[in-house]
Each structure stands twice: as C-alpha cells, then as structure tokens.
Protein backbone atom coordinates (compact mmCIF):
# COMPACT_ATOMS: atom_id res chain seq x y z
CA MET A 1 -23.23 13.39 0.07
CA SER A 2 -20.40 13.87 2.56
CA THR A 3 -17.77 16.45 1.71
CA THR A 4 -14.08 16.08 2.44
CA GLN A 5 -14.49 18.50 5.32
CA ASP A 6 -17.35 16.41 6.75
CA ILE A 7 -15.30 13.22 6.54
CA GLU A 8 -12.27 14.78 8.20
CA GLN A 9 -14.40 16.22 10.98
CA GLY A 10 -16.00 12.80 11.47
CA ILE A 11 -12.55 11.22 11.75
CA LEU A 12 -11.47 13.80 14.32
CA ASP A 13 -14.65 13.44 16.37
CA LEU A 14 -14.46 9.63 16.42
CA PHE A 15 -10.81 9.22 17.39
CA ARG A 16 -10.80 12.06 19.88
CA ARG A 17 -13.87 10.58 21.55
CA VAL A 18 -12.44 7.06 21.74
CA TYR A 19 -8.82 7.82 22.63
CA GLY A 20 -8.90 11.18 24.39
CA GLU A 21 -5.52 12.18 25.80
CA ASP A 22 -3.90 9.01 24.45
CA LEU A 23 -4.31 10.33 20.89
CA SER A 24 -1.03 11.78 19.57
CA SER A 25 -1.50 12.14 15.80
CA ILE A 26 -3.93 11.45 12.99
CA VAL A 27 -2.40 11.35 9.51
CA VAL A 28 -4.28 10.58 6.30
CA TYR A 29 -2.24 9.25 3.39
CA GLY A 30 -2.52 7.38 0.09
CA SER A 31 -5.01 8.15 -2.67
CA TYR A 32 -6.93 10.56 -0.41
CA VAL A 33 -4.08 13.06 -0.74
CA ALA A 34 -2.57 11.84 -4.02
CA GLY A 35 -5.20 13.34 -6.29
CA ASN A 36 -6.82 10.10 -7.45
CA PHE A 37 -9.26 9.56 -4.57
CA ARG A 38 -12.78 8.40 -5.45
CA HIS A 39 -15.41 8.76 -2.73
CA LYS A 40 -16.98 5.41 -1.73
CA SER A 41 -14.65 3.46 -4.02
CA SER A 42 -11.19 4.43 -2.68
CA ASP A 43 -10.05 3.56 0.82
CA ILE A 44 -9.16 6.35 3.25
CA ASN A 45 -5.88 5.29 4.84
CA LEU A 46 -5.19 6.67 8.30
CA LEU A 47 -2.13 6.49 10.50
CA ILE A 48 -3.29 6.73 14.12
CA LEU A 49 -0.57 7.22 16.73
CA LEU A 50 -1.34 6.74 20.41
CA GLN A 51 0.52 7.02 23.67
CA ASN A 52 -1.05 3.72 24.74
CA CYS A 53 -3.11 1.19 22.82
CA SER A 54 -5.29 -1.07 24.96
CA PRO A 55 -7.60 -3.89 23.84
CA ASP A 56 -10.50 -2.04 25.50
CA SER A 57 -9.95 1.05 23.37
CA LEU A 58 -9.78 -1.04 20.21
CA GLU A 59 -13.06 -2.72 21.10
CA ARG A 60 -14.63 0.67 21.75
CA LEU A 61 -13.42 1.96 18.40
CA GLY A 62 -14.94 -1.10 16.74
CA ARG A 63 -18.29 -0.51 18.43
CA GLU A 64 -18.56 3.24 18.06
CA GLY A 65 -16.83 3.61 14.72
CA LYS A 66 -18.26 0.64 12.82
CA GLY A 67 -20.79 2.59 10.78
CA PHE A 68 -18.56 5.55 9.98
CA LEU A 69 -15.48 3.47 9.13
CA LYS A 70 -17.47 1.16 6.85
CA LYS A 71 -19.44 3.93 5.15
CA HIS A 72 -16.32 5.89 4.18
CA LYS A 73 -14.00 2.89 3.73
CA VAL A 74 -11.65 4.16 6.42
CA THR A 75 -8.69 1.86 7.08
CA PRO A 76 -6.82 2.87 10.25
CA LEU A 77 -3.24 1.78 10.92
CA ILE A 78 -3.02 2.03 14.71
CA LEU A 79 0.38 2.20 16.42
CA THR A 80 1.87 3.69 19.53
CA THR A 81 4.30 6.54 18.99
CA ALA A 82 7.11 4.29 20.24
CA GLU A 83 6.17 1.54 17.79
CA PHE A 84 6.12 3.96 14.88
CA ALA A 85 9.52 5.39 15.74
CA ALA A 86 11.06 1.93 16.11
CA SER A 87 9.64 0.26 12.99
CA ALA A 88 10.92 2.37 10.08
CA ASP A 89 13.63 -0.24 9.53
CA VAL A 90 11.01 -2.99 9.25
CA PHE A 91 8.44 -1.20 7.04
CA PRO A 92 10.43 1.30 4.95
CA MET A 93 8.31 0.69 1.86
CA GLU A 94 5.07 1.54 3.64
CA TYR A 95 6.50 4.45 5.61
CA MET A 96 8.01 6.01 2.48
CA ASP A 97 4.52 5.92 0.97
CA ILE A 98 3.14 7.74 4.01
CA ILE A 99 5.87 10.38 3.97
CA ALA A 100 5.55 11.00 0.22
CA ARG A 101 1.86 11.96 0.36
CA HIS A 102 0.18 12.70 3.65
CA LYS A 103 -1.90 15.25 5.50
CA VAL A 104 -1.87 15.76 9.26
CA LEU A 105 -5.38 16.05 10.67
CA PHE A 106 -4.41 16.12 14.33
CA GLY A 107 -1.25 16.52 16.41
CA ALA A 108 2.36 16.76 15.32
CA ASP A 109 3.66 15.40 12.02
CA PRO A 110 5.26 12.08 13.04
CA THR A 111 7.10 11.69 9.72
CA GLU A 112 9.42 14.68 10.11
CA HIS A 113 12.23 12.79 11.83
CA VAL A 114 11.87 9.33 10.29
CA GLN A 115 15.03 8.08 8.59
CA PHE A 116 15.37 5.18 6.19
CA SER A 117 18.04 2.81 5.02
CA HIS A 118 18.04 1.76 1.37
CA ARG A 119 19.47 -1.53 2.55
CA ASN A 120 16.34 -2.13 4.63
CA LEU A 121 14.17 -1.09 1.68
CA ARG A 122 15.96 -3.60 -0.55
CA HIS A 123 15.37 -6.37 2.00
CA GLU A 124 11.66 -5.56 2.32
CA LEU A 125 11.21 -5.38 -1.45
CA GLU A 126 12.81 -8.78 -1.88
CA HIS A 127 10.56 -10.14 0.86
CA GLN A 128 7.45 -8.64 -0.76
CA LEU A 129 8.38 -9.83 -4.24
CA ARG A 130 9.05 -13.37 -3.04
CA GLY A 131 5.71 -13.31 -1.22
CA ALA A 132 3.97 -12.10 -4.39
CA LEU A 133 5.58 -14.91 -6.38
CA ILE A 134 4.50 -17.54 -3.87
CA SER A 135 0.94 -16.21 -3.66
CA LEU A 136 0.68 -16.12 -7.47
CA ARG A 137 1.76 -19.76 -7.68
CA GLN A 138 -0.85 -20.63 -5.06
CA LEU A 139 -3.54 -18.84 -7.10
CA VAL A 140 -2.68 -20.94 -10.14
CA LEU A 141 -2.80 -24.10 -8.04
CA ALA A 142 -6.17 -23.21 -6.49
CA ALA A 143 -7.75 -22.20 -9.82
CA ARG A 144 -6.93 -25.57 -11.43
CA GLY A 145 -7.22 -24.14 -14.93
CA ARG A 146 -10.57 -22.41 -14.37
CA LYS A 147 -10.01 -19.18 -16.24
CA ARG A 148 -12.88 -17.20 -14.74
CA LEU A 149 -11.76 -17.97 -11.20
CA LEU A 150 -8.12 -17.26 -12.03
CA ALA A 151 -9.04 -13.90 -13.59
CA ALA A 152 -11.01 -12.90 -10.48
CA GLU A 153 -8.14 -13.89 -8.20
CA LEU A 154 -5.63 -12.00 -10.33
CA LYS A 155 -7.67 -8.81 -10.02
CA SER A 156 -7.43 -9.05 -6.22
CA TRP A 157 -3.75 -10.00 -6.33
CA THR A 158 -2.95 -6.91 -8.42
CA GLY A 159 -3.70 -4.53 -5.54
CA SER A 160 -0.56 -5.38 -3.59
CA MET A 161 1.75 -4.66 -6.52
CA ALA A 162 1.38 -0.86 -6.64
CA ALA A 163 3.21 -0.42 -3.32
CA ILE A 164 5.98 -2.74 -4.53
CA PHE A 165 6.35 -0.75 -7.76
CA ARG A 166 6.67 2.50 -5.79
CA GLY A 167 9.32 0.91 -3.60
CA LEU A 168 11.23 -0.36 -6.63
CA LEU A 169 11.41 3.16 -8.02
CA ARG A 170 12.49 4.71 -4.72
CA LEU A 171 15.21 2.10 -4.38
CA ARG A 172 16.67 3.42 -7.62
CA GLY A 173 16.47 7.02 -6.42
CA VAL A 174 13.33 8.12 -8.26
CA GLU A 175 11.92 11.06 -6.29
CA GLU A 176 8.75 11.85 -8.27
CA VAL A 177 6.88 8.55 -8.17
CA PRO A 178 3.76 8.47 -10.38
CA THR A 179 0.35 8.06 -8.80
CA GLU A 180 -1.37 6.57 -11.86
CA TYR A 181 -0.96 2.80 -12.01
CA SER A 182 -0.16 2.66 -15.74
CA GLU A 183 2.53 5.36 -15.42
CA LEU A 184 3.95 3.55 -12.41
CA ILE A 185 4.30 0.32 -14.38
CA GLU A 186 5.85 2.08 -17.36
CA GLN A 187 8.44 3.78 -15.19
CA VAL A 188 9.36 0.52 -13.44
CA ASN A 189 9.81 -1.08 -16.87
CA THR A 190 12.04 1.81 -17.94
CA VAL A 191 14.16 2.02 -14.78
CA TYR A 192 14.71 -1.74 -14.59
CA GLU A 193 15.04 -2.12 -18.39
CA LEU A 194 12.09 -4.51 -18.70
CA GLN A 195 10.05 -5.14 -21.81
CA SER A 196 6.49 -3.85 -21.54
CA GLY A 197 4.11 -6.73 -21.14
CA PRO A 198 2.71 -8.71 -18.22
CA PHE A 199 2.16 -5.94 -15.66
CA LEU A 200 0.36 -3.73 -18.18
CA SER A 201 -1.66 -6.76 -19.31
CA LEU A 202 -2.53 -7.38 -15.67
CA LEU A 203 -3.74 -3.79 -15.35
CA ARG A 204 -5.92 -4.18 -18.44
CA LEU A 205 -7.38 -7.38 -16.99
CA ARG A 206 -8.14 -5.53 -13.76
CA GLU A 207 -9.88 -2.79 -15.70
CA GLY A 208 -12.09 -5.31 -17.50
CA SER A 209 -10.38 -5.46 -20.88
CA GLY A 210 -10.29 -9.23 -20.87
CA GLY A 211 -7.37 -11.38 -21.94
CA ASP A 212 -6.31 -14.94 -21.23
CA PRO A 213 -5.45 -15.21 -17.50
CA VAL A 214 -3.57 -18.48 -18.00
CA GLN A 215 -1.30 -16.91 -20.61
CA LEU A 216 -0.90 -13.86 -18.40
CA VAL A 217 0.27 -15.94 -15.44
CA SER A 218 2.80 -17.70 -17.68
CA GLU A 219 4.29 -14.25 -18.37
CA LEU A 220 3.97 -12.87 -14.85
CA LEU A 221 5.81 -15.69 -13.09
CA PRO A 222 9.13 -15.32 -14.95
CA ARG A 223 8.87 -11.52 -14.71
CA LEU A 224 8.61 -11.75 -10.92
CA GLU A 225 11.45 -14.28 -10.79
CA HIS A 226 13.62 -11.89 -12.83
CA LEU A 227 12.82 -8.92 -10.60
CA ILE A 228 13.65 -10.95 -7.49
CA ALA A 229 17.03 -11.88 -8.97
CA VAL A 230 17.74 -8.23 -9.84
CA ILE A 231 16.85 -6.96 -6.36
CA ASP A 232 18.71 -9.81 -4.67
CA ALA A 233 21.89 -8.93 -6.56
CA LEU A 234 21.55 -5.17 -6.16
CA GLU A 235 24.17 -3.56 -3.97
CA VAL A 236 23.13 -0.53 -1.96
CA ASP A 237 25.37 1.72 0.12
CA SER A 238 23.17 2.47 3.11
C-alpha cells in the first residue's frame, strides 16, 4: 500500500519529468489536506502552475502519467502562472477552497498574494446555484418518474453542492468552514435561516439510507429557488 510520502514523491517525479523548467508550483488541496481523505476513494486535487502549457506537454503527461494518476485518483488543475493570477475574479469560490486548505509540494506558494472580491464571489455563487437548479430540473426530466434512476442521478448531482455550501458560508464571513458534509449543511441552514430538510435528506440518500427521490426533488427545487433569490438580493460591499 502506498504511503502519503510515496504518493507525494510520485507526484513530484511525474510532473518534474514532464514539465522540467516550466514547472513553477505543485499544490495539493481539498480532502487530502482537510483531514477526511480516504486512500483510493477520495480524489487527490492538485494545482499545477506552469510557465508555459503546450499541447505536447499535456499529451506527454497523459501518456506517462496515466497509470499513476488513475491509480491514486489524482485530478490535476493545470494553469499557467499568469492564468492563475488573472482568474481569481472568475473563480473565487474554487480559489478560496484552495487557499483555505492546501499544501505546497513544489515551488513557491501561489496563494499568498491572491485577493478576492465578495462581489465576485456572490456572482459566482448565483451562477453555480442557477446551474444546479437547471441541472436538477434536467435530471427530473430525464428520469421520467423512474425512482431508481433518479436516486442514482441525485447521488452524482450531490457532489457539486459541497463547494457551493462552502462559498455560501464564506460570503457571510464564516472563517472556520466545516469539512464534514453534514456539519456544512447544518451551518448553511443556520446562517441562512433555513429549515433543516432537503439537503440533509439528500446526504442521507447519498449515504444509502434510502428515501423517496421524487419527494426529495420536490423539496430541493424550491429550496434552491429560495437560495438563488437570497443571493441575488444580497448586497455586498466589495
């Protein structure tokens, strides 16, 4: 069984070999450093920053890293240093996640000088929530009342919500954002004065506790619509 040290050394060896002097930083973030990482079941999220990113180097990474990346469920986010510096206004939700919990494996820490606007965070959250609402409606349409299919689709759909919940808390100034999904949901309910219900039921469905997916969707849709209205009306200073 690979140890954490083995995995990190494998990451360093692979990206140094493929990118050489173009490699600026390797940062691991997410569950790997949040305390709830599970080997072979959790993804290892990497931020890879390069001086230049060519199609040839991406192809080489795909060829040489296929086995290692698949075995350890490594998901690399590959950007140039210029792209990373210029995109904090576009992806504040994601970048706040990286900054909150990360570990630098190689190079300088690229997060030290990143600045965010709560106005940009509000815009991205509204965008993400509206996208979640649309995708949920599409799931219902595609399932055509087949509960087993709808339940399976809901379990996949749930994964995107954790990042949105973290963003919702940060928008309201919460500094210590929970890592456990259930605690995250409870705190969102508290901060936004929501009745406990559909999101916790969704978590229980994901964990295999059953429940009626059709009834769950009928509760989730208005909850998302309400959250969108709240975020749309929220005024932020900067």
